[in-house]
Amino acid sequence: FNLPSRTLRDMISNSIDVIIQAERLRDGSRRITNITEVIGMEGDVIITQDIFVYDITGEDANGRIVGRHHATGIGRPHFWDRARYFGEEARLANALDAANEEESVGLAS
């Protein structure tokens, strides 16, 4: 097939809700570094926004990477209605609430 790139981008943005990115870190370990939602198209560009990111805070005594996941503050992602359609709205809400609550406790410390 020889589809125009705009058509391919439309197909991608309409069929993917969430991207989970895993990365091999410099110590050889693997971590999920980003959980990102695909929002849609703006012109010819696929628009995404991070929901969770992994921040490296340092290394332990053995040289292993130390870090933590944190929420970016997105309270209601664009795929909320799809989560509701599949009966996952409560689980999504609980996960986001817990992450945002943990984040606000960390900021208060």
Protein backbone atom coordinates (compact mmCIF):
# COMPACT_ATOMS: atom_id res chain seq x y z
CA PHE A 1 0.00 0.00 0.00
CA ASN A 2 1.06 3.54 -0.58
CA LEU A 3 -0.97 5.66 1.84
CA PRO A 4 -0.27 9.35 2.37
CA SER A 5 1.58 10.08 5.62
CA ARG A 6 -1.33 12.25 6.85
CA THR A 7 -3.67 9.26 6.49
CA LEU A 8 -1.24 7.03 8.39
CA ARG A 9 -0.94 9.59 11.21
CA ASP A 10 -4.74 9.83 11.40
CA MET A 11 -4.99 6.04 11.62
CA ILE A 12 -2.36 5.92 14.38
CA SER A 13 -3.88 8.74 16.44
CA ASN A 14 -7.36 7.22 16.16
CA SER A 15 -6.31 3.70 17.12
CA ILE A 16 -3.78 4.20 19.94
CA ASP A 17 -4.88 5.57 23.31
CA VAL A 18 -1.82 4.98 25.49
CA ILE A 19 1.89 4.44 24.87
CA ILE A 20 3.95 2.71 27.56
CA GLN A 21 7.65 3.28 26.96
CA ALA A 22 10.27 1.02 28.52
CA GLU A 23 13.93 1.94 28.38
CA ARG A 24 17.20 0.21 29.21
CA LEU A 25 19.08 2.45 31.62
CA ARG A 26 22.85 2.85 31.78
CA ASP A 27 23.12 0.24 34.56
CA GLY A 28 21.45 -2.33 32.29
CA SER A 29 18.13 -2.33 34.14
CA ARG A 30 14.86 -1.70 32.37
CA ARG A 31 12.25 0.73 33.62
CA ILE A 32 8.98 2.05 32.34
CA THR A 33 10.00 5.65 31.75
CA ASN A 34 6.82 7.18 30.36
CA ILE A 35 3.11 6.46 30.23
CA THR A 36 1.77 8.78 27.57
CA GLU A 37 -1.66 9.30 26.08
CA VAL A 38 -2.30 10.01 22.42
CA ILE A 39 -4.67 12.97 22.28
CA GLY A 40 -5.20 13.31 18.54
CA MET A 41 -4.01 15.38 15.62
CA GLU A 42 -3.16 19.05 15.34
CA GLY A 43 -2.49 19.74 11.69
CA ASP A 44 -0.08 17.01 10.57
CA VAL A 45 1.29 16.36 14.07
CA ILE A 46 0.19 13.63 16.48
CA ILE A 47 -0.34 15.27 19.89
CA THR A 48 0.63 13.35 23.05
CA GLN A 49 0.93 14.15 26.74
CA ASP A 50 2.69 12.30 29.54
CA ILE A 51 0.55 10.97 32.38
CA PHE A 52 3.41 9.37 34.36
CA VAL A 53 7.17 9.80 34.03
CA TYR A 54 10.16 8.14 35.69
CA ASP A 55 12.69 10.48 37.28
CA ILE A 56 16.19 9.23 37.98
CA THR A 57 17.27 10.46 41.40
CA GLY A 58 20.73 8.89 41.55
CA GLU A 59 22.53 5.60 42.05
CA ASP A 60 22.75 3.25 45.00
CA ALA A 61 26.02 1.90 46.47
CA ASN A 62 26.08 -0.86 43.83
CA GLY A 63 25.77 1.58 40.91
CA ARG A 64 22.15 0.72 40.18
CA ILE A 65 19.84 3.49 39.05
CA VAL A 66 17.44 4.78 41.70
CA GLY A 67 14.35 6.75 40.81
CA ARG A 68 10.61 7.02 41.09
CA HIS A 69 7.54 7.35 38.95
CA HIS A 70 5.44 10.43 39.38
CA ALA A 71 2.18 11.71 37.97
CA THR A 72 2.21 14.78 35.76
CA GLY A 73 -1.03 16.06 37.26
CA ILE A 74 -3.40 14.96 34.50
CA GLY A 75 -6.57 14.30 36.47
CA ARG A 76 -8.78 13.15 33.62
CA PRO A 77 -6.98 11.91 30.51
CA HIS A 78 -8.57 12.15 27.07
CA PHE A 79 -9.16 8.37 26.99
CA TRP A 80 -11.43 8.57 30.07
CA ASP A 81 -14.59 7.83 28.06
CA ARG A 82 -13.01 4.71 26.55
CA ALA A 83 -12.08 3.54 30.05
CA ARG A 84 -15.72 4.04 31.06
CA TYR A 85 -16.91 2.13 27.97
CA PHE A 86 -14.77 -0.86 28.97
CA GLY A 87 -15.80 -0.67 32.63
CA GLU A 88 -12.37 0.52 33.79
CA GLU A 89 -13.30 4.06 34.84
CA ALA A 90 -13.13 3.33 38.59
CA ARG A 91 -9.73 1.62 38.34
CA LEU A 92 -8.36 4.47 36.24
CA ALA A 93 -9.73 7.06 38.67
CA ASN A 94 -8.24 5.19 41.64
CA ALA A 95 -4.82 4.94 39.98
CA LEU A 96 -4.76 8.62 39.05
CA ASP A 97 -6.06 9.72 42.45
CA ALA A 98 -3.47 7.60 44.27
CA ALA A 99 -0.65 8.93 42.09
CA ASN A 100 -1.75 12.55 42.44
CA GLU A 101 -2.24 12.12 46.20
CA GLU A 102 1.23 10.59 46.55
CA GLU A 103 2.63 13.46 44.48
CA SER A 104 1.00 16.12 46.66
CA VAL A 105 2.23 14.41 49.85
CA GLY A 106 5.74 14.40 48.38
CA LEU A 107 5.50 18.11 47.59
CA ALA A 108 4.32 18.91 51.11
CA SER A 109 7.32 17.16 52.68
